């Protein structure tokens, strides 16, 4: 763990004000500022390819998305560790106009480092595909566990949500907007802690705004649908949707008709299940306000919300808190906590495709 991550607060002073737990913490701005300087210094460098496909043994497909698939691989040299390798076919990336997203993803992953964010290992390309090698979290995908358990107990929801808050606090401070928070993009390690993964829609915006329509439709913030310029509050909105889905087993807005789905989001009339606690309802509503000016939109304010009154932020960040749930794991290459996938061979080409488009990868 980086030194700045170890310098967390050991003690906190609590003041109860109007049912809100106000946490008076040491000012972590200097520590986060050092992290930002570290990211910014790496951002200007050219991170060269540092591996090749023949370095790895492909074992099994872990998951498939719209633009890529993730495979369990084993390094053939050294200690022969297992990794998750993201494979992105060049043809599909160019056809879907996602070249910039892929280049951005590689740059971001190679510059950041945080306990609740997936670790970058390597990247490379061949004639047909682009590859990003990441750490393998044998505990599996959050959405698999959510599907099995139908819904999470509130204690587990808070445990996961607190880690997401810390991860987003770090990303936003170093200038990165994530834009695709959902159970499918969260993996669990063997000890029960989470990692945010899949930075395909992430972008370094610093203090600027952006207006690209991207992400997962059920998680779109209203300002995205309104084609407004937006910034970090969209990530806090998705945290509210994530808490709802973890607590109920499904997102609040859903429809096979995209027009109807988007109208539900814009109407903002969220039905709260009867088993939701008042604190759960309150934080979801506070995070998903239609107006960003009324929304909870900073980590400091969100941490102080009474939903997190039982959370010890220092213990979470240091990973000394006992996880409410630890996945069953049968060895370092176990894949039982991932959905079963159809195995298909990787695309191959005799000549390099789209050399100019991917010269910066």
Protein backbone atom coordinates (compact mmCIF):
# COMPACT_ATOMS: atom_id res chain seq x y z
CA UNK A 1 0.00 0.00 0.00
CA UNK A 2 1.26 3.50 -0.80
CA UNK A 3 2.57 5.49 2.15
CA UNK A 4 -0.09 8.18 1.78
CA UNK A 5 -2.81 5.52 2.09
CA UNK A 6 -1.37 4.39 5.40
CA UNK A 7 -1.57 7.88 6.88
CA UNK A 8 -5.25 7.59 7.76
CA UNK A 9 -6.87 8.87 10.90
CA UNK A 10 -6.69 6.54 13.89
CA UNK A 11 -9.19 8.41 16.03
CA UNK A 12 -12.28 10.48 15.28
CA UNK A 13 -14.42 12.83 17.27
CA UNK A 14 -18.17 12.46 16.79
CA UNK A 15 -20.84 15.13 17.17
CA UNK A 16 -24.52 14.25 16.72
CA UNK A 17 -26.44 17.01 14.96
CA UNK A 18 -30.06 16.48 13.83
CA UNK A 19 -29.67 12.71 13.45
CA UNK A 20 -26.56 13.21 11.31
CA UNK A 21 -23.24 11.84 12.53
CA UNK A 22 -20.70 14.57 11.90
CA UNK A 23 -17.19 13.17 11.74
CA UNK A 24 -14.44 15.66 12.54
CA UNK A 25 -11.39 14.28 10.78
CA UNK A 26 -7.83 15.25 10.23
CA UNK A 27 -7.57 17.24 6.99
CA UNK A 28 -6.56 14.66 4.40
CA UNK A 29 -6.17 17.24 1.63
CA UNK A 30 -2.34 17.28 1.76
CA UNK A 31 -2.27 13.49 1.45
CA UNK A 32 -4.71 13.47 -1.45
CA UNK A 33 -2.82 16.33 -3.06
CA UNK A 34 0.32 14.22 -3.02
CA UNK A 35 -1.65 11.43 -4.71
CA UNK A 36 -2.83 13.84 -7.38
CA UNK A 37 0.71 15.02 -8.01
CA UNK A 38 1.75 11.39 -8.43
CA UNK A 39 -1.00 10.73 -10.99
CA UNK A 40 -0.31 13.96 -12.85
CA UNK A 41 3.41 13.18 -13.10
CA UNK A 42 2.66 9.78 -14.63
CA UNK A 43 -0.03 11.21 -16.92
CA UNK A 44 2.51 13.02 -19.08
CA UNK A 45 4.64 9.93 -19.65
CA UNK A 46 4.30 7.40 -22.42
CA UNK A 47 3.62 4.04 -20.78
CA UNK A 48 5.06 1.52 -23.21
CA UNK A 49 3.82 -2.01 -23.79
CA UNK A 50 5.40 -4.30 -21.23
CA UNK A 51 4.21 -7.83 -22.09
CA UNK A 52 3.02 -10.08 -24.91
CA UNK A 53 0.32 -12.69 -25.36
CA UNK A 54 2.79 -15.58 -25.35
CA UNK A 55 3.71 -14.65 -21.76
CA UNK A 56 0.34 -15.98 -20.60
CA UNK A 57 -1.63 -19.20 -20.56
CA UNK A 58 -5.32 -18.54 -21.22
CA UNK A 59 -7.43 -20.60 -18.82
CA UNK A 60 -11.05 -19.48 -18.96
CA UNK A 61 -13.40 -16.63 -19.90
CA UNK A 62 -14.63 -14.78 -16.80
CA UNK A 63 -17.00 -12.29 -18.39
CA UNK A 64 -18.09 -10.64 -21.61
CA UNK A 65 -19.21 -7.09 -22.21
CA UNK A 66 -20.29 -4.99 -25.16
CA UNK A 67 -16.75 -4.13 -26.26
CA UNK A 68 -14.53 -6.71 -24.62
CA UNK A 69 -14.18 -9.90 -22.66
CA UNK A 70 -12.16 -10.76 -19.58
CA UNK A 71 -10.19 -13.98 -19.31
CA UNK A 72 -8.42 -15.74 -16.46
CA UNK A 73 -4.77 -16.18 -17.41
CA UNK A 74 -1.64 -17.48 -15.78
CA UNK A 75 1.76 -15.92 -16.25
CA UNK A 76 4.15 -18.48 -17.65
CA UNK A 77 7.26 -17.06 -15.99
CA UNK A 78 8.31 -16.17 -12.47
CA UNK A 79 5.85 -17.26 -9.77
CA UNK A 80 3.14 -18.09 -12.37
CA UNK A 81 0.49 -15.91 -10.77
CA UNK A 82 -3.09 -15.69 -12.05
CA UNK A 83 -4.43 -12.48 -13.59
CA UNK A 84 -7.54 -11.14 -15.30
CA UNK A 85 -6.82 -10.16 -18.90
CA UNK A 86 -9.17 -7.77 -20.69
CA UNK A 87 -9.30 -8.48 -24.42
CA UNK A 88 -10.61 -5.80 -26.82
CA UNK A 89 -10.93 -6.60 -30.55
CA UNK A 90 -9.63 -3.69 -32.63
CA UNK A 91 -12.30 -4.06 -35.30
CA UNK A 92 -15.10 -3.72 -32.79
CA UNK A 93 -13.51 -0.75 -31.04
CA UNK A 94 -13.11 1.17 -34.29
CA UNK A 95 -16.58 0.22 -35.53
CA UNK A 96 -18.17 1.47 -32.30
CA UNK A 97 -16.03 4.63 -32.27
CA UNK A 98 -14.48 3.75 -28.91
CA UNK A 99 -10.81 4.32 -29.71
CA UNK A 100 -10.50 7.33 -27.39
CA UNK A 101 -12.21 5.47 -24.53
CA UNK A 102 -9.77 2.56 -24.78
CA UNK A 103 -6.69 4.81 -24.91
CA UNK A 104 -8.03 6.73 -21.90
CA UNK A 105 -8.70 3.52 -19.97
CA UNK A 106 -5.14 2.31 -20.42
CA UNK A 107 -3.68 5.68 -19.37
CA UNK A 108 -5.87 5.92 -16.28
CA UNK A 109 -5.25 2.37 -15.07
CA UNK A 110 -1.49 2.73 -15.50
CA UNK A 111 -1.44 5.95 -13.43
CA UNK A 112 -3.71 5.20 -10.45
CA UNK A 113 -3.23 3.07 -7.36
CA UNK A 114 -5.78 2.62 -4.57
CA UNK A 115 -6.90 -0.25 -2.29
CA UNK A 116 -10.45 -0.31 -3.66
CA UNK A 117 -9.53 -0.02 -7.33
CA UNK A 118 -8.32 -2.90 -9.48
CA UNK A 119 -4.54 -3.03 -9.89
CA UNK A 120 -3.04 -2.53 -13.33
CA UNK A 121 -0.35 -5.08 -14.25
CA UNK A 122 0.48 -4.73 -17.95
CA UNK A 123 -0.80 -3.85 -21.41
CA UNK A 124 0.07 -4.87 -24.96
CA UNK A 125 -1.46 -5.45 -28.39
CA UNK A 126 -1.18 -7.84 -31.30
CA UNK A 127 -2.48 -7.68 -34.87
CA UNK A 128 -6.13 -8.14 -33.93
CA UNK A 129 -6.60 -7.20 -30.26
CA UNK A 130 -5.69 -4.89 -27.41
CA UNK A 131 -4.94 -6.37 -23.97
CA UNK A 132 -4.92 -4.97 -20.44
CA UNK A 133 -3.74 -7.32 -17.68
CA UNK A 134 -5.17 -6.70 -14.21
CA UNK A 135 -5.06 -8.36 -10.81
CA UNK A 136 -7.44 -11.29 -10.41
CA UNK A 137 -10.00 -11.04 -7.60
CA UNK A 138 -10.95 -14.64 -6.94
CA UNK A 139 -13.94 -13.61 -4.82
CA UNK A 140 -15.84 -12.89 -8.01
CA UNK A 141 -18.27 -10.27 -9.24
CA UNK A 142 -20.63 -8.42 -6.93
CA UNK A 143 -23.56 -8.99 -9.27
CA UNK A 144 -23.07 -12.78 -9.01
CA UNK A 145 -23.28 -12.66 -5.22
CA UNK A 146 -26.22 -10.25 -5.37
CA UNK A 147 -28.04 -12.63 -7.72
CA UNK A 148 -27.37 -15.58 -5.40
CA UNK A 149 -28.38 -13.75 -2.22
CA UNK A 150 -31.23 -11.83 -3.95
CA UNK A 151 -30.37 -8.79 -1.85
CA UNK A 152 -27.69 -7.80 0.63
CA UNK A 153 -28.25 -7.16 4.31
CA UNK A 154 -27.94 -3.49 5.21
CA UNK A 155 -24.69 -4.05 7.11
CA UNK A 156 -23.08 -5.51 3.99
CA UNK A 157 -24.50 -2.73 1.81
CA UNK A 158 -22.91 -0.12 4.07
CA UNK A 159 -19.61 -2.01 4.09
CA UNK A 160 -19.49 -2.04 0.28
CA UNK A 161 -20.85 1.50 -0.11
CA UNK A 162 -18.19 2.89 2.23
CA UNK A 163 -15.43 1.42 0.07
CA UNK A 164 -17.03 2.90 -3.06
CA UNK A 165 -17.15 6.31 -1.35
CA UNK A 166 -13.43 6.11 -0.60
CA UNK A 167 -12.61 4.97 -4.14
CA UNK A 168 -14.64 7.77 -5.73
CA UNK A 169 -13.14 10.32 -3.32
CA UNK A 170 -9.68 9.31 -4.54
CA UNK A 171 -10.66 9.27 -8.23
CA UNK A 172 -12.34 12.67 -8.08
CA UNK A 173 -9.46 14.27 -6.22
CA UNK A 174 -6.97 13.10 -8.83
CA UNK A 175 -9.30 14.40 -11.55
CA UNK A 176 -11.01 11.23 -12.82
CA UNK A 177 -14.72 10.69 -13.35
CA UNK A 178 -15.74 6.99 -13.44
CA UNK A 179 -19.22 7.03 -15.08
CA UNK A 180 -20.05 3.31 -14.96
CA UNK A 181 -20.56 2.25 -11.35
CA UNK A 182 -22.71 -0.92 -11.09
CA UNK A 183 -22.49 -4.41 -9.52
CA UNK A 184 -21.06 -5.86 -12.75
CA UNK A 185 -18.07 -3.50 -12.46
CA UNK A 186 -17.23 -4.41 -8.87
CA UNK A 187 -15.23 -7.49 -7.91
CA UNK A 188 -14.59 -8.98 -4.49
CA UNK A 189 -11.22 -10.18 -3.27
CA UNK A 190 -10.68 -13.40 -1.34
CA UNK A 191 -10.92 -11.50 1.99
CA UNK A 192 -14.30 -9.90 1.25
CA UNK A 193 -13.19 -6.39 0.27
CA UNK A 194 -14.14 -4.90 -3.08
CA UNK A 195 -12.35 -3.43 -6.10
CA UNK A 196 -13.88 -1.17 -8.74
CA UNK A 197 -12.99 -2.39 -12.22
CA UNK A 198 -13.70 -1.66 -15.91
CA UNK A 199 -12.55 1.89 -16.58
CA UNK A 200 -13.83 1.85 -20.17
CA UNK A 201 -15.92 4.99 -19.61
CA UNK A 202 -13.63 6.75 -17.14
CA UNK A 203 -12.09 10.07 -18.10
CA UNK A 204 -9.61 12.52 -16.63
CA UNK A 205 -11.44 15.85 -16.53
CA UNK A 206 -9.78 17.61 -13.56
CA UNK A 207 -11.87 20.75 -12.93
CA UNK A 208 -13.59 20.70 -16.30
CA UNK A 209 -16.91 19.22 -17.33
CA UNK A 210 -17.85 16.76 -20.05
CA UNK A 211 -21.03 15.90 -21.96
CA UNK A 212 -20.48 12.45 -23.49
CA UNK A 213 -23.50 10.16 -23.16
CA UNK A 214 -22.03 6.93 -21.83
CA UNK A 215 -22.41 4.42 -19.03
CA UNK A 216 -25.21 1.95 -18.27
CA UNK A 217 -28.76 3.21 -19.06
CA UNK A 218 -30.34 2.12 -15.75
CA UNK A 219 -27.65 4.17 -13.98
CA UNK A 220 -27.75 7.32 -16.13
CA UNK A 221 -27.97 10.52 -14.11
CA UNK A 222 -30.67 12.98 -15.26
CA UNK A 223 -28.10 15.54 -16.43
CA UNK A 224 -26.66 12.99 -18.85
CA UNK A 225 -30.07 12.35 -20.40
CA UNK A 226 -30.67 16.09 -20.64
CA UNK A 227 -27.41 16.36 -22.62
CA UNK A 228 -26.07 18.89 -20.13
CA UNK A 229 -22.42 19.34 -19.29
CA UNK A 230 -21.74 17.33 -16.17
CA UNK A 231 -19.03 16.46 -13.68
CA UNK A 232 -18.35 14.32 -10.61
CA UNK A 233 -21.92 14.45 -9.17
CA UNK A 234 -22.95 11.82 -11.76
CA UNK A 235 -20.80 9.31 -9.88
CA UNK A 236 -22.50 10.12 -6.57
CA UNK A 237 -25.86 9.69 -8.30
CA UNK A 238 -24.81 6.19 -9.39
CA UNK A 239 -23.76 5.44 -5.80
CA UNK A 240 -27.37 6.09 -4.80
CA UNK A 241 -28.61 3.72 -7.49
CA UNK A 242 -26.03 1.13 -6.41
CA UNK A 243 -27.16 1.30 -2.77
CA UNK A 244 -30.75 0.83 -3.93
CA UNK A 245 -29.82 -2.19 -6.06
CA UNK A 246 -27.67 -3.79 -3.37
CA UNK A 247 -30.46 -3.38 -0.79
CA UNK A 248 -33.34 -4.54 -3.01
CA UNK A 249 -31.69 -6.80 -5.59
CA UNK A 250 -32.60 -4.67 -8.58
CA UNK A 251 -32.15 -1.07 -9.76
CA UNK A 252 -35.01 1.39 -9.13
CA UNK A 253 -35.62 2.21 -12.79
CA UNK A 254 -35.95 -0.60 -15.32
CA UNK A 255 -37.73 -1.15 -18.61
CA UNK A 256 -36.96 -2.93 -21.87
CA UNK A 257 -38.21 0.24 -23.58
CA UNK A 258 -35.40 2.82 -23.44
CA UNK A 259 -37.77 5.78 -23.88
CA UNK A 260 -39.84 4.59 -20.92
CA UNK A 261 -36.71 3.93 -18.86
CA UNK A 262 -35.31 7.39 -19.52
CA UNK A 263 -38.64 8.99 -18.65
CA UNK A 264 -38.64 7.14 -15.31
CA UNK A 265 -35.18 8.54 -14.57
CA UNK A 266 -36.21 12.07 -15.52
CA UNK A 267 -39.39 11.83 -13.45
CA UNK A 268 -37.34 10.67 -10.47
CA UNK A 269 -40.25 8.95 -8.76
CA UNK A 270 -38.42 6.15 -7.00
CA UNK A 271 -40.48 3.49 -5.19
CA UNK A 272 -38.85 2.42 -1.95
CA UNK A 273 -39.38 -1.19 -0.80
CA UNK A 274 -40.95 -1.61 2.63
CA UNK A 275 -37.85 -3.24 4.12
CA UNK A 276 -35.66 -0.19 3.46
CA UNK A 277 -34.60 1.56 6.65
CA UNK A 278 -35.22 5.32 7.01
CA UNK A 279 -31.45 5.90 6.75
CA UNK A 280 -31.28 3.89 3.52
CA UNK A 281 -34.17 5.81 1.99
CA UNK A 282 -32.69 9.11 3.07
CA UNK A 283 -29.24 8.58 1.58
CA UNK A 284 -30.63 7.21 -1.69
CA UNK A 285 -32.90 10.23 -2.05
CA UNK A 286 -30.08 12.61 -1.10
CA UNK A 287 -27.71 11.09 -3.67
CA UNK A 288 -30.23 10.95 -6.52
CA UNK A 289 -31.71 14.44 -6.44
CA UNK A 290 -32.56 15.66 -9.94
CA UNK A 291 -30.66 18.89 -9.36
CA UNK A 292 -26.93 18.49 -8.78
CA UNK A 293 -26.98 21.56 -6.52
CA UNK A 294 -29.31 19.71 -4.11
CA UNK A 295 -27.54 16.35 -4.36
CA UNK A 296 -24.96 15.04 -1.88
CA UNK A 297 -21.88 15.55 -4.00
CA UNK A 298 -18.73 15.46 -1.89
CA UNK A 299 -17.16 12.56 -0.04
CA UNK A 300 -16.90 14.59 3.15
CA UNK A 301 -20.64 15.27 3.30
CA UNK A 302 -21.55 11.72 2.27
CA UNK A 303 -19.32 10.21 4.97
CA UNK A 304 -21.12 12.34 7.57
CA UNK A 305 -24.58 11.06 6.58
CA UNK A 306 -26.29 9.03 9.31
CA UNK A 307 -26.49 6.02 6.94
CA UNK A 308 -22.76 5.60 7.65
CA UNK A 309 -23.01 6.25 11.40
CA UNK A 310 -21.67 2.78 12.26
CA UNK A 311 -18.80 2.91 9.76
CA UNK A 312 -15.25 3.31 11.02
CA UNK A 313 -13.66 4.95 7.99
CA UNK A 314 -10.11 4.43 9.21
CA UNK A 315 -10.66 0.69 9.65
CA UNK A 316 -12.29 0.41 6.23
CA UNK A 317 -9.42 2.20 4.50
CA UNK A 318 -6.81 0.14 6.32
CA UNK A 319 -8.85 -3.04 5.68
CA UNK A 320 -8.88 -3.94 9.35
CA UNK A 321 -12.69 -4.01 9.63
CA UNK A 322 -14.17 -7.51 9.53
CA UNK A 323 -16.14 -8.02 6.29
CA UNK A 324 -19.76 -9.12 6.88
CA UNK A 325 -19.41 -11.58 4.00
CA UNK A 326 -16.40 -13.51 2.70
CA UNK A 327 -16.82 -15.46 -0.56
CA UNK A 328 -16.09 -19.17 -0.70
CA UNK A 329 -12.80 -19.68 -2.51
CA UNK A 330 -11.20 -22.96 -3.60
CA UNK A 331 -7.75 -21.84 -4.60
CA UNK A 332 -6.15 -18.98 -6.50
CA UNK A 333 -7.61 -20.02 -9.88
CA UNK A 334 -11.16 -20.66 -8.65
CA UNK A 335 -13.87 -19.21 -10.94
CA UNK A 336 -17.05 -20.32 -9.13
CA UNK A 337 -17.87 -16.71 -8.22
CA UNK A 338 -18.13 -15.66 -11.86
CA UNK A 339 -20.93 -16.43 -14.30
CA UNK A 340 -20.31 -19.33 -16.67
CA UNK A 341 -19.31 -18.07 -20.13
CA UNK A 342 -19.20 -19.53 -23.63
CA UNK A 343 -15.61 -20.08 -24.68
CA UNK A 344 -14.64 -18.59 -28.04
CA UNK A 345 -11.16 -18.32 -29.59
CA UNK A 346 -9.44 -14.95 -29.79
CA UNK A 347 -9.54 -13.15 -33.10
CA UNK A 348 -6.37 -13.45 -35.16
CA UNK A 349 -5.00 -11.46 -38.09
CA UNK A 350 -1.95 -12.00 -40.29
CA UNK A 351 -1.24 -8.25 -40.46
CA UNK A 352 -1.57 -5.48 -37.91
CA UNK A 353 -4.97 -3.78 -37.97
CA UNK A 354 -5.50 -0.05 -37.40
CA UNK A 355 -1.89 0.74 -36.65
CA UNK A 356 -2.44 4.52 -36.71
CA UNK A 357 -5.55 4.43 -34.52
CA UNK A 358 -3.81 2.51 -31.76
CA UNK A 359 -0.28 3.90 -31.97
CA UNK A 360 -0.69 5.35 -28.45
CA UNK A 361 -1.77 2.05 -26.89
